Amino acid sequence: MKILVSGGGTGGHIYPAIALIRHLVKQDDSVECLYIGTENGLESTIVPKEGIPLKTVKISGFKRKVSLDNVKTVVRFLRAVKQSKTYIKEFKPDVVIGTGGYVCGPVVYAAAKLNIPTIIHEQNSVPGLTNKFLAKYASKVAISFPDSAHYFPKDKIVMTGNPRASEVVKMVHPKGKPRLQELGLSPEKKTVLVVGGSRGAKPINDAIMETLHHWKTKNYQCLYVTGDAHYEKVKEKIEQQEEAIDQLVCVPYIHDMPAVLHEVDLLVARAGATTLAEITALGLPSILIPSPYVTNNHQEKNARSLEKEAAAKVVLEKDTTPDKLMNEIDTILENDQAWSAMKDAALKLGKPDAAEDMAKLIKEVRGGAS
């Protein structure tokens, strides 16, 4: 079977695609995959490192306001469709899958026009412009949040979840908590992981830096991922404290985040779709601080989907004060009953078999092809 996958722009579109490809190849080593992305997107470096063949097209997104740039975008789109059709005719895929980002537009559209079965995968609770456009042409629409269902044709929707969740939950998990120990934390204490993304998030960092004096009195501990841009400043402030803070360890970045997620008891983070897929699959309680700087405010809407099921607590960035953050952490980690209830609620939302559900959907659309 030949699978063509397209997704780009952010890791949230790329990593689910890679997780799906890994699953398909693991299930059947005769599966051939081709990835279509852009030259300048993250996919241009991430995909080749996975050993997946990559082709590129040139494309940009539409401006939400009327603009002459949109005329140029239409021209680029049509050229990208033509290029995509060339790639598709050469590769002869059985199914084409789009996981989000501008690049999916011409690729999935081209496949649909060539009568090849297509699937688009929506990771967020609110879809972007590209997937809204493609829903008309795609054979099926795979969703990760029930809230996104009303944006798409009812007869095309399949709730699969995010394939990234399957990778995280099925990781071989060693006994004990080796990663926490390596990082200088106790495997015996409850642990809250605070992270603002690979580059960090200043409002989260500012709040945590004002809580340093609190940690000396806590019976739980904190692993604080600052982001590269903020690490030196945070480290300096910690070192200026009169007493050592054994309950808090800061690092600039964690390369094996899924392994660490297995070992912590609470996550304080943004509300990206991949993060939420991972923590619900693991049943990890969370305090979510959505980024207000994303399209359609989709992170807050993602987070509210968990909050309304009591699987997470949402704190808006503008309300993220040191006292509020510590109070929320205390409320969860110092109350075993509250923590267990959040864990159970998160597990109910999790889709640990998402990759397999996507594989079944691929077989379904392939079988239904004329």
Foldseek 3Di string as FASTA:
>chain_A
DEEEEEFWADPLLVVLVVLLVVVVCVVPVVYAYEYEYACPTPCVPVVVVSVHHYDYADADDDDPDDDPVVVVRVVSLVVLLVVLLVVCVVRVGQEYEYRDDGSVQSNLVSCLVVQHAYEYEYLFLDDDPRVLVCLVRHQAYEYAFPNNCVSHDVVRYDDQHGSLQQVLLPDDADPFQVVCVVQQADSPAAEEEEAEDQQADVLSLVLVLVCQVVQQPDRHAYEYAHHPVCVVVSVVSQVPDPDHRSRYGYDPDDPPVSNNLLRHQEYEYEQRSSVLQNCLQNLHEYEHAHDCPDPPSRRVVSVVSLVVLLLYHYDYSVRRHNVVVVVVVCVQRVDPVSSVSNSVSSPVSHNNCSSVSVVVVSVVSSVVRD
